[in-house]
């Protein structure tokens, strides 16, 4: 049984996840297949990529002003994500804060990350307010149920084929047994009618 593809509504709900690369491999392939066939959805996807690029450019800063690229700054950049997510120890947090105070480049980078985080959060809140329910989650659940259903039907077909083969072997065994158990076969072969 051939798997059916996603429709435009389902793909529209999954486009942001596809652009972020957070879909599982099967959904990623289904969305990619649909985008290759549907110019409208491809245009929506390209618009999402363009908006994402513009947001990154608005938050970007000019690093050519001064060279603060030191060992401490490299350590700062390595730990920045963990700092934003509150995953560092108290001592490491203090180091990040001290460097952000003393290094204008580090301070600017930290400010920009917080700006980006706020933009993402505001976008999420605005979208959540506009949508009464999480449509994307519903679409993902429906698609996954359909895929599971198709897999169950495929498995049932395989089990049925195996069952029929086993029954055929059992019947063949009975026929073989009765032919050689009873000399009836020899009787008919001897022309004794």
N, C-alpha and C. Protein backbone atom coordinates (compact mmCIF):
# COMPACT_ATOMS: atom_id res chain seq x y z
N UNK A 1 0.84 -1.17 0.00
CA UNK A 1 0.00 0.00 0.00
C UNK A 1 0.89 1.24 0.00
N UNK A 2 0.68 2.15 -0.93
CA UNK A 2 1.51 3.34 -1.04
C UNK A 2 1.08 4.35 0.03
N UNK A 3 2.05 4.99 0.64
CA UNK A 3 1.75 5.99 1.65
C UNK A 3 1.26 7.25 0.95
N UNK A 4 0.18 7.82 1.49
CA UNK A 4 -0.30 9.06 0.88
C UNK A 4 0.46 10.23 1.48
N UNK A 5 0.55 11.28 0.73
CA UNK A 5 1.31 12.44 1.17
C UNK A 5 0.47 13.35 2.06
N UNK A 6 1.09 14.44 2.47
CA UNK A 6 0.42 15.43 3.30
C UNK A 6 -0.33 16.41 2.40
N UNK A 7 -1.40 17.00 2.94
CA UNK A 7 -2.10 18.03 2.19
C UNK A 7 -1.55 19.40 2.56
N UNK A 8 -2.01 20.43 1.88
CA UNK A 8 -1.45 21.78 2.07
C UNK A 8 -1.68 22.31 3.49
N UNK A 9 -2.82 22.00 4.08
CA UNK A 9 -3.10 22.47 5.43
C UNK A 9 -2.13 21.84 6.42
N UNK A 10 -1.89 20.56 6.29
CA UNK A 10 -0.96 19.87 7.17
C UNK A 10 0.45 20.41 6.99
N UNK A 11 0.87 20.62 5.76
CA UNK A 11 2.22 21.13 5.50
C UNK A 11 2.38 22.54 6.04
N UNK A 12 1.35 23.39 5.88
CA UNK A 12 1.42 24.75 6.41
C UNK A 12 1.63 24.75 7.91
N UNK A 13 0.98 23.82 8.60
CA UNK A 13 1.13 23.73 10.05
C UNK A 13 2.52 23.24 10.45
N UNK A 14 3.17 22.50 9.56
CA UNK A 14 4.48 21.92 9.89
C UNK A 14 5.66 22.72 9.35
N UNK A 15 5.41 23.77 8.57
CA UNK A 15 6.50 24.48 7.90
C UNK A 15 7.51 25.09 8.88
N UNK A 16 7.03 25.70 9.96
CA UNK A 16 7.97 26.29 10.92
C UNK A 16 8.87 25.22 11.54
N UNK A 17 8.28 24.07 11.87
CA UNK A 17 9.06 22.98 12.44
C UNK A 17 10.06 22.44 11.40
N UNK A 18 9.63 22.40 10.15
CA UNK A 18 10.51 21.92 9.07
C UNK A 18 11.68 22.88 8.90
N UNK A 19 11.39 24.19 8.94
CA UNK A 19 12.44 25.20 8.78
C UNK A 19 13.44 25.14 9.93
N UNK A 20 12.95 24.80 11.13
CA UNK A 20 13.84 24.69 12.30
C UNK A 20 14.58 23.37 12.32
N UNK A 21 14.11 22.39 11.53
CA UNK A 21 14.74 21.07 11.51
C UNK A 21 14.37 20.22 12.71
N UNK A 22 13.16 20.42 13.26
CA UNK A 22 12.78 19.68 14.46
C UNK A 22 11.81 18.54 14.19
N UNK A 23 11.48 18.28 12.93
CA UNK A 23 10.58 17.17 12.61
C UNK A 23 11.36 15.86 12.58
N UNK A 24 10.64 14.75 12.85
CA UNK A 24 11.30 13.45 12.73
C UNK A 24 11.54 13.17 11.24
N UNK A 25 12.34 12.16 10.95
CA UNK A 25 12.77 11.91 9.57
C UNK A 25 11.61 11.65 8.63
N UNK A 26 10.59 10.89 9.10
CA UNK A 26 9.47 10.56 8.22
C UNK A 26 8.67 11.81 7.87
N UNK A 27 8.34 12.63 8.88
CA UNK A 27 7.59 13.85 8.60
C UNK A 27 8.41 14.81 7.76
N UNK A 28 9.71 14.88 7.99
CA UNK A 28 10.58 15.74 7.20
C UNK A 28 10.53 15.33 5.73
N UNK A 29 10.56 14.02 5.47
CA UNK A 29 10.50 13.53 4.09
C UNK A 29 9.15 13.83 3.46
N UNK A 30 8.06 13.64 4.24
CA UNK A 30 6.72 13.91 3.70
C UNK A 30 6.56 15.40 3.35
N UNK A 31 7.05 16.29 4.21
CA UNK A 31 6.96 17.73 3.94
C UNK A 31 7.81 18.08 2.72
N UNK A 32 9.03 17.52 2.65
CA UNK A 32 9.91 17.80 1.52
C UNK A 32 9.26 17.35 0.21
N UNK A 33 8.67 16.14 0.21
CA UNK A 33 8.00 15.64 -1.00
C UNK A 33 6.87 16.57 -1.42
N UNK A 34 6.10 17.05 -0.43
CA UNK A 34 4.99 17.95 -0.75
C UNK A 34 5.52 19.28 -1.31
N UNK A 35 6.57 19.81 -0.71
CA UNK A 35 7.12 21.09 -1.17
C UNK A 35 7.63 21.00 -2.60
N UNK A 36 8.16 19.84 -2.97
CA UNK A 36 8.67 19.66 -4.33
C UNK A 36 7.54 19.67 -5.36
N UNK A 37 6.32 19.33 -4.90
CA UNK A 37 5.17 19.24 -5.82
C UNK A 37 4.26 20.45 -5.77
N UNK A 38 4.32 21.23 -4.68
CA UNK A 38 3.34 22.31 -4.47
C UNK A 38 4.03 23.68 -4.44
N UNK A 39 3.85 24.48 -5.49
CA UNK A 39 4.51 25.79 -5.53
C UNK A 39 3.98 26.76 -4.46
N UNK A 40 2.70 26.65 -4.11
CA UNK A 40 2.14 27.55 -3.08
C UNK A 40 2.80 27.31 -1.73
N UNK A 41 2.92 26.06 -1.34
CA UNK A 41 3.54 25.73 -0.06
C UNK A 41 5.04 26.05 -0.08
N UNK A 42 5.67 25.86 -1.23
CA UNK A 42 7.09 26.20 -1.35
C UNK A 42 7.29 27.70 -1.17
N UNK A 43 6.36 28.50 -1.71
CA UNK A 43 6.45 29.95 -1.53
C UNK A 43 6.31 30.33 -0.05
N UNK A 44 5.38 29.68 0.66
CA UNK A 44 5.22 29.92 2.10
C UNK A 44 6.51 29.57 2.84
N UNK A 45 7.09 28.45 2.46
CA UNK A 45 8.34 28.01 3.11
C UNK A 45 9.47 29.00 2.87
N UNK A 46 9.60 29.47 1.64
CA UNK A 46 10.65 30.44 1.32
C UNK A 46 10.42 31.76 2.07
N UNK A 47 9.15 32.16 2.26
CA UNK A 47 8.85 33.36 3.04
C UNK A 47 9.27 33.19 4.49
N UNK A 48 9.04 32.00 5.05
CA UNK A 48 9.46 31.72 6.43
C UNK A 48 10.98 31.82 6.54
N UNK A 49 11.68 31.24 5.59
CA UNK A 49 13.15 31.32 5.61
C UNK A 49 13.63 32.76 5.49
N UNK A 50 12.98 33.55 4.64
CA UNK A 50 13.36 34.94 4.46
C UNK A 50 13.12 35.75 5.73
N UNK A 51 11.98 35.54 6.39
CA UNK A 51 11.69 36.25 7.65
C UNK A 51 12.70 35.87 8.72
N UNK A 52 13.05 34.60 8.76
CA UNK A 52 14.03 34.14 9.74
C UNK A 52 15.38 34.80 9.49
N UNK A 53 15.76 34.89 8.23
CA UNK A 53 17.03 35.52 7.87
C UNK A 53 17.01 37.01 8.25
N UNK A 54 15.89 37.68 7.98
CA UNK A 54 15.78 39.11 8.31
C UNK A 54 15.86 39.33 9.82
N UNK A 55 15.24 38.45 10.60
CA UNK A 55 15.31 38.58 12.06
C UNK A 55 16.75 38.43 12.54
N UNK A 56 17.46 37.48 11.98
CA UNK A 56 18.86 37.29 12.37
C UNK A 56 19.69 38.51 12.00
N UNK A 57 19.41 39.10 10.84
CA UNK A 57 20.17 40.28 10.41
C UNK A 57 19.86 41.48 11.29
N UNK A 58 18.60 41.62 11.75
CA UNK A 58 18.24 42.75 12.61
C UNK A 58 18.93 42.66 13.97
N UNK A 59 19.21 41.45 14.41
CA UNK A 59 19.81 41.25 15.72
C UNK A 59 21.33 41.25 15.62
N UNK A 60 21.84 41.00 14.45
CA UNK A 60 23.30 40.92 14.28
C UNK A 60 23.95 42.26 14.63
N UNK A 61 25.21 42.21 14.99
CA UNK A 61 25.93 43.43 15.33
C UNK A 61 27.28 43.43 14.63
N UNK A 62 27.88 44.58 14.60
CA UNK A 62 29.14 44.76 13.90
C UNK A 62 30.30 44.38 14.81
N UNK A 63 30.95 43.30 14.48
CA UNK A 63 32.06 42.83 15.31
C UNK A 63 33.40 43.42 14.85
N UNK A 64 33.39 44.27 13.85
CA UNK A 64 34.64 44.81 13.33
C UNK A 64 35.11 46.05 14.09
N UNK A 65 34.29 46.55 15.00
CA UNK A 65 34.65 47.79 15.67
C UNK A 65 35.93 47.66 16.47
N UNK A 66 36.00 46.68 17.36
CA UNK A 66 37.21 46.47 18.13
C UNK A 66 37.43 44.98 18.26
N UNK A 67 38.64 44.59 18.46
CA UNK A 67 38.95 43.18 18.60
C UNK A 67 39.06 42.82 20.08
N UNK A 68 37.99 42.22 20.59
CA UNK A 68 37.98 41.76 21.97
C UNK A 68 38.05 40.23 22.00
N UNK A 69 38.52 39.66 20.95
CA UNK A 69 38.52 38.20 20.79
C UNK A 69 39.68 37.60 21.60
N UNK A 70 39.44 37.33 22.86
CA UNK A 70 40.44 36.76 23.76
C UNK A 70 40.03 35.36 24.17
N UNK A 71 40.88 34.73 24.94
CA UNK A 71 40.56 33.39 25.45
C UNK A 71 39.31 33.44 26.32
N UNK A 72 39.21 34.50 27.13
CA UNK A 72 38.03 34.65 27.98
C UNK A 72 36.77 34.82 27.14
N UNK A 73 36.90 35.60 26.05
CA UNK A 73 35.75 35.83 25.18
C UNK A 73 35.31 34.53 24.49
N UNK A 74 36.27 33.73 24.08
CA UNK A 74 35.93 32.44 23.46
C UNK A 74 35.22 31.53 24.46
N UNK A 75 35.69 31.55 25.71
CA UNK A 75 35.02 30.76 26.75
C UNK A 75 33.61 31.30 26.99
N UNK A 76 33.48 32.62 26.95
CA UNK A 76 32.18 33.27 27.08
C UNK A 76 31.22 32.77 26.00
N UNK A 77 31.68 32.78 24.76
CA UNK A 77 30.83 32.33 23.65
C UNK A 77 30.45 30.86 23.79
N UNK A 78 31.39 30.05 24.28
CA UNK A 78 31.12 28.62 24.46
C UNK A 78 30.03 28.40 25.50
N UNK A 79 30.03 29.22 26.56
CA UNK A 79 29.09 29.03 27.67
C UNK A 79 27.84 29.89 27.57
N UNK A 80 27.73 30.69 26.54
CA UNK A 80 26.63 31.65 26.44
C UNK A 80 25.26 30.98 26.41
N UNK A 81 25.11 29.97 25.61
CA UNK A 81 23.83 29.27 25.53
C UNK A 81 23.45 28.65 26.87
N UNK A 82 24.42 28.03 27.53
CA UNK A 82 24.16 27.44 28.84
C UNK A 82 23.82 28.53 29.85
N UNK A 83 24.41 29.70 29.72
CA UNK A 83 24.11 30.82 30.62
C UNK A 83 22.66 31.28 30.42
N UNK A 84 22.25 31.43 29.18
CA UNK A 84 20.89 31.87 28.86
C UNK A 84 19.87 30.85 29.41
N UNK A 85 20.21 29.58 29.33
CA UNK A 85 19.29 28.52 29.78
C UNK A 85 19.45 28.18 31.26
N UNK A 86 20.25 28.98 32.00
CA UNK A 86 20.48 28.76 33.44
C UNK A 86 21.03 27.37 33.74
N UNK A 87 21.99 26.95 32.97
CA UNK A 87 22.58 25.63 33.14
C UNK A 87 23.99 25.67 33.73
N UNK A 88 24.47 26.86 34.08
CA UNK A 88 25.82 26.99 34.61
C UNK A 88 25.81 27.05 36.13
N UNK A 89 26.96 26.77 36.72
CA UNK A 89 27.11 26.91 38.17
C UNK A 89 27.18 28.39 38.52
N UNK A 90 27.10 28.69 39.80
CA UNK A 90 27.15 30.09 40.26
C UNK A 90 28.46 30.76 39.86
N UNK A 91 29.57 30.04 40.02
CA UNK A 91 30.88 30.61 39.66
C UNK A 91 30.97 30.92 38.17
N UNK A 92 30.46 30.00 37.34
CA UNK A 92 30.51 30.23 35.90
C UNK A 92 29.59 31.38 35.50
N UNK A 93 28.44 31.50 36.16
CA UNK A 93 27.53 32.63 35.90
C UNK A 93 28.22 33.95 36.21
N UNK A 94 28.94 34.00 37.32
CA UNK A 94 29.64 35.24 37.70
C UNK A 94 30.70 35.59 36.67
N UNK A 95 31.43 34.58 36.16
CA UNK A 95 32.44 34.84 35.13
C UNK A 95 31.80 35.45 33.88
N UNK A 96 30.66 34.89 33.47
CA UNK A 96 29.96 35.41 32.28
C UNK A 96 29.54 36.86 32.53
N UNK A 97 28.99 37.15 33.69
CA UNK A 97 28.53 38.51 34.00
C UNK A 97 29.71 39.49 34.03
N UNK A 98 30.81 39.08 34.64
CA UNK A 98 31.99 39.96 34.71
C UNK A 98 32.51 40.27 33.31
N UNK A 99 32.58 39.25 32.46
CA UNK A 99 33.08 39.46 31.10
C UNK A 99 32.12 40.35 30.32
N UNK A 100 30.81 40.16 30.52
CA UNK A 100 29.83 40.99 29.82
C UNK A 100 29.95 42.45 30.24
N UNK A 101 30.34 42.68 31.49
CA UNK A 101 30.51 44.06 31.98
C UNK A 101 31.78 44.67 31.41
N UNK A 102 32.86 43.90 31.37
CA UNK A 102 34.15 44.45 30.97
C UNK A 102 34.40 44.41 29.47
N UNK A 103 33.72 43.57 28.73
CA UNK A 103 33.97 43.40 27.30
C UNK A 103 32.76 43.88 26.51
N UNK A 104 32.86 45.01 25.82
CA UNK A 104 31.70 45.55 25.09
C UNK A 104 31.16 44.58 24.03
N UNK A 105 32.03 43.82 23.39
CA UNK A 105 31.58 42.87 22.39
C UNK A 105 30.74 41.77 23.04
N UNK A 106 31.19 41.27 24.18
CA UNK A 106 30.44 40.24 24.90
C UNK A 106 29.11 40.81 25.38
N UNK A 107 29.13 42.04 25.89
CA UNK A 107 27.90 42.67 26.37
C UNK A 107 26.90 42.82 25.22
N UNK A 108 27.40 43.27 24.06
CA UNK A 108 26.53 43.44 22.89
C UNK A 108 25.95 42.10 22.45
N UNK A 109 26.77 41.07 22.46
CA UNK A 109 26.29 39.75 22.05
C UNK A 109 25.23 39.24 23.02
N UNK A 110 25.45 39.43 24.31
CA UNK A 110 24.47 39.02 25.32
C UNK A 110 23.16 39.79 25.16
N UNK A 111 23.26 41.09 24.92
CA UNK A 111 22.06 41.91 24.69
C UNK A 111 21.30 41.43 23.47
N UNK A 112 22.03 41.11 22.40
CA UNK A 112 21.38 40.65 21.17
C UNK A 112 20.69 39.30 21.36
N UNK A 113 21.30 38.43 22.13
CA UNK A 113 20.66 37.13 22.37
C UNK A 113 19.37 37.32 23.16
N UNK A 114 19.41 38.21 24.15
CA UNK A 114 18.18 38.48 24.91
C UNK A 114 17.12 39.14 24.03
N UNK A 115 17.54 40.02 23.11
CA UNK A 115 16.58 40.61 22.17
C UNK A 115 15.95 39.53 21.31
N UNK A 116 16.78 38.64 20.79
CA UNK A 116 16.27 37.55 19.95
C UNK A 116 15.32 36.67 20.75
N UNK A 117 15.68 36.36 21.98
CA UNK A 117 14.83 35.53 22.84
C UNK A 117 13.48 36.22 23.06
N UNK A 118 13.50 37.53 23.28
CA UNK A 118 12.25 38.27 23.47
C UNK A 118 11.41 38.30 22.20
N UNK A 119 12.05 38.48 21.05
CA UNK A 119 11.31 38.47 19.79
C UNK A 119 10.64 37.11 19.60
N UNK A 120 11.38 36.04 19.85
CA UNK A 120 10.81 34.70 19.70
C UNK A 120 9.63 34.49 20.67
N UNK A 121 9.80 34.94 21.91
CA UNK A 121 8.74 34.78 22.90
C UNK A 121 7.51 35.60 22.52
N UNK A 122 7.70 36.85 22.11
CA UNK A 122 6.58 37.69 21.70
C UNK A 122 5.86 37.09 20.49
N UNK A 123 6.61 36.55 19.57
CA UNK A 123 6.01 35.90 18.40
C UNK A 123 5.19 34.69 18.83
N UNK A 124 5.74 33.92 19.75
CA UNK A 124 5.02 32.75 20.26
C UNK A 124 3.72 33.18 20.95
N UNK A 125 3.79 34.21 21.81
CA UNK A 125 2.61 34.66 22.55
C UNK A 125 1.56 35.18 21.58
N UNK A 126 1.99 35.97 20.59
CA UNK A 126 1.05 36.52 19.61
C UNK A 126 0.36 35.40 18.84
N UNK A 127 1.14 34.43 18.42
CA UNK A 127 0.57 33.30 17.68
C UNK A 127 -0.37 32.49 18.56
N UNK A 128 0.03 32.27 19.79
CA UNK A 128 -0.80 31.49 20.72
C UNK A 128 -2.13 32.19 21.00
N UNK A 129 -2.10 33.52 21.10
CA UNK A 129 -3.33 34.27 21.34
C UNK A 129 -4.26 34.20 20.14
N UNK A 130 -3.70 34.17 18.94
CA UNK A 130 -4.50 34.15 17.72
C UNK A 130 -5.10 32.78 17.43
N UNK A 131 -4.51 31.74 17.96
CA UNK A 131 -4.97 30.39 17.70
C UNK A 131 -5.58 29.83 18.98
N UNK A 132 -6.81 29.35 18.88
CA UNK A 132 -7.48 28.83 20.07
C UNK A 132 -6.93 27.49 20.52
N UNK A 133 -6.43 26.73 19.58
CA UNK A 133 -5.83 25.44 19.94
C UNK A 133 -4.54 25.27 19.13
N UNK A 134 -3.74 24.37 19.58
CA UNK A 134 -2.46 24.13 18.92
C UNK A 134 -2.70 23.27 17.68
N UNK A 135 -2.92 23.93 16.56
CA UNK A 135 -3.25 23.24 15.32
C UNK A 135 -2.09 22.37 14.85
N UNK A 136 -0.86 22.86 15.02
CA UNK A 136 0.30 22.09 14.58
C UNK A 136 0.37 20.75 15.29
N UNK A 137 0.12 20.77 16.58
CA UNK A 137 0.17 19.53 17.36
C UNK A 137 -0.92 18.57 16.89
N UNK A 138 -2.10 19.10 16.59
CA UNK A 138 -3.19 18.26 16.09
C UNK A 138 -2.81 17.62 14.75
N UNK A 139 -2.22 18.42 13.87
CA UNK A 139 -1.83 17.90 12.56
C UNK A 139 -0.79 16.80 12.72
N UNK A 140 0.21 17.03 13.57
CA UNK A 140 1.24 16.02 13.78
C UNK A 140 0.62 14.74 14.33
N UNK A 141 -0.31 14.86 15.28
CA UNK A 141 -0.97 13.67 15.84
C UNK A 141 -1.78 12.92 14.79
N UNK A 142 -2.51 13.66 13.95
CA UNK A 142 -3.32 13.02 12.90
C UNK A 142 -2.42 12.29 11.91
N UNK A 143 -1.34 12.94 11.48
CA UNK A 143 -0.43 12.33 10.52
C UNK A 143 0.22 11.08 11.12
N UNK A 144 0.65 11.17 12.37
CA UNK A 144 1.27 10.01 13.00
C UNK A 144 0.28 8.86 13.17
N UNK A 145 -0.99 9.17 13.49
CA UNK A 145 -2.01 8.12 13.59
C UNK A 145 -2.24 7.45 12.24
N UNK A 146 -2.29 8.27 11.17
CA UNK A 146 -2.47 7.71 9.82
C UNK A 146 -1.31 6.79 9.46
N UNK A 147 -0.09 7.23 9.78
CA UNK A 147 1.08 6.42 9.46
C UNK A 147 1.07 5.12 10.26
N UNK A 148 0.69 5.20 11.54
CA UNK A 148 0.60 3.99 12.35
C UNK A 148 -0.47 3.06 11.81
N UNK A 149 -1.62 3.64 11.37
CA UNK A 149 -2.71 2.83 10.81
C UNK A 149 -2.25 2.11 9.55
N UNK A 150 -1.52 2.83 8.69
CA UNK A 150 -1.01 2.20 7.47
C UNK A 150 -0.02 1.09 7.81
N UNK A 151 0.79 1.29 8.83
CA UNK A 151 1.74 0.26 9.24
C UNK A 151 1.01 -0.95 9.79
N UNK A 152 -0.09 -0.73 10.54
CA UNK A 152 -0.87 -1.84 11.10
C UNK A 152 -1.50 -2.64 9.96
N UNK A 153 -2.08 -1.93 8.97
CA UNK A 153 -2.68 -2.63 7.83
C UNK A 153 -1.62 -3.42 7.08
N UNK A 154 -0.45 -2.83 6.89
CA UNK A 154 0.64 -3.56 6.22
C UNK A 154 1.05 -4.78 7.00
N UNK A 155 1.11 -4.66 8.33
CA UNK A 155 1.47 -5.81 9.17
C UNK A 155 0.39 -6.88 9.11
N UNK A 156 -0.89 -6.48 9.09
CA UNK A 156 -1.98 -7.45 9.00
C UNK A 156 -1.89 -8.20 7.68
N UNK A 157 -1.60 -7.50 6.60
CA UNK A 157 -1.45 -8.17 5.31
C UNK A 157 -0.32 -9.20 5.35
N UNK A 158 0.78 -8.85 5.97
CA UNK A 158 1.91 -9.79 6.08
C UNK A 158 1.52 -11.01 6.91
N UNK A 159 0.84 -10.80 8.02
CA UNK A 159 0.42 -11.92 8.87
C UNK A 159 -0.56 -12.82 8.12
N UNK A 160 -1.49 -12.22 7.39
CA UNK A 160 -2.47 -13.00 6.61
C UNK A 160 -1.76 -13.84 5.56
N UNK A 161 -0.78 -13.28 4.86
CA UNK A 161 -0.04 -14.05 3.85
C UNK A 161 0.71 -15.22 4.50
N UNK A 162 1.33 -14.98 5.62
CA UNK A 162 2.05 -16.05 6.31
C UNK A 162 1.07 -17.14 6.76
N UNK A 163 -0.09 -16.71 7.27
CA UNK A 163 -1.11 -17.68 7.71
C UNK A 163 -1.57 -18.54 6.54
N UNK A 164 -1.82 -17.92 5.38
CA UNK A 164 -2.27 -18.69 4.22
C UNK A 164 -1.20 -19.67 3.74
N UNK A 165 0.04 -19.28 3.81
CA UNK A 165 1.13 -20.18 3.42
C UNK A 165 1.20 -21.38 4.37
N UNK A 166 1.05 -21.11 5.66
CA UNK A 166 1.07 -22.20 6.64
C UNK A 166 -0.09 -23.16 6.40
N UNK A 167 -1.29 -22.62 6.16
CA UNK A 167 -2.47 -23.46 5.89
C UNK A 167 -2.24 -24.29 4.63
N UNK A 168 -1.66 -23.69 3.60
CA UNK A 168 -1.39 -24.43 2.36
C UNK A 168 -0.41 -25.58 2.62
N UNK A 169 0.63 -25.35 3.44
CA UNK A 169 1.57 -26.42 3.77
C UNK A 169 0.89 -27.53 4.57
N UNK A 170 0.03 -27.16 5.48
CA UNK A 170 -0.69 -28.18 6.28
C UNK A 170 -1.58 -29.01 5.38
N UNK A 171 -2.33 -28.37 4.47
CA UNK A 171 -3.19 -29.11 3.55
C UNK A 171 -2.35 -30.01 2.64
N UNK A 172 -1.24 -29.49 2.16
CA UNK A 172 -0.37 -30.30 1.31
C UNK A 172 0.15 -31.50 2.10
N UNK A 173 0.45 -31.30 3.36
CA UNK A 173 0.92 -32.40 4.21
C UNK A 173 -0.14 -33.47 4.38
N UNK A 174 -1.39 -33.06 4.61
CA UNK A 174 -2.48 -34.04 4.73
C UNK A 174 -2.66 -34.82 3.44
N UNK A 175 -2.66 -34.09 2.33
CA UNK A 175 -2.83 -34.77 1.04
C UNK A 175 -1.68 -35.75 0.82
N UNK A 176 -0.48 -35.35 1.07
CA UNK A 176 0.69 -36.21 0.91
C UNK A 176 0.59 -37.43 1.83
N UNK A 177 0.15 -37.21 3.07
CA UNK A 177 0.03 -38.30 4.04
C UNK A 177 -1.00 -39.33 3.57
N UNK A 178 -2.16 -38.88 3.13
CA UNK A 178 -3.20 -39.81 2.72
C UNK A 178 -2.86 -40.54 1.42
N UNK A 179 -2.13 -39.93 0.55
CA UNK A 179 -1.74 -40.60 -0.69
C UNK A 179 -0.85 -41.79 -0.37
N UNK A 180 0.10 -41.60 0.52
CA UNK A 180 1.04 -42.69 0.81
C UNK A 180 0.56 -43.62 1.92
N UNK A 181 -0.40 -43.22 2.71
CA UNK A 181 -0.91 -44.08 3.76
C UNK A 181 -1.85 -45.13 3.17
N UNK A 182 -2.71 -44.68 2.31
CA UNK A 182 -3.67 -45.60 1.71
C UNK A 182 -3.22 -45.94 0.29
N UNK A 183 -3.26 -47.18 -0.06
CA UNK A 183 -2.83 -47.56 -1.41
C UNK A 183 -3.87 -47.24 -2.47
N UNK A 184 -4.77 -46.31 -2.17
CA UNK A 184 -5.79 -45.92 -3.12
C UNK A 184 -5.16 -45.37 -4.39
N UNK A 185 -4.10 -44.66 -4.22
CA UNK A 185 -3.39 -44.11 -5.35
C UNK A 185 -2.93 -45.24 -6.28
N UNK A 186 -2.41 -46.29 -5.69
CA UNK A 186 -1.96 -47.43 -6.50
C UNK A 186 -3.14 -48.13 -7.17
N UNK A 187 -4.28 -48.18 -6.48
CA UNK A 187 -5.47 -48.81 -7.02
C UNK A 187 -5.90 -48.09 -8.29
N UNK A 188 -5.92 -46.78 -8.23
CA UNK A 188 -6.35 -46.02 -9.41
C UNK A 188 -5.31 -46.10 -10.51
N UNK A 189 -4.07 -46.25 -10.14
CA UNK A 189 -3.02 -46.30 -11.12
C UNK A 189 -3.00 -47.67 -11.82
N UNK A 190 -3.53 -48.68 -11.17
CA UNK A 190 -3.50 -50.03 -11.74
C UNK A 190 -4.64 -50.28 -12.71
N UNK A 191 -5.48 -49.34 -12.94
CA UNK A 191 -6.60 -49.48 -13.86
C UNK A 191 -7.58 -50.59 -13.43
N UNK A 192 -7.95 -50.60 -12.17
CA UNK A 192 -8.89 -51.62 -11.66
C UNK A 192 -10.31 -51.12 -11.62
N UNK A 193 -10.75 -50.42 -12.51
CA UNK A 193 -12.16 -49.94 -12.52
C UNK A 193 -13.06 -50.99 -13.01
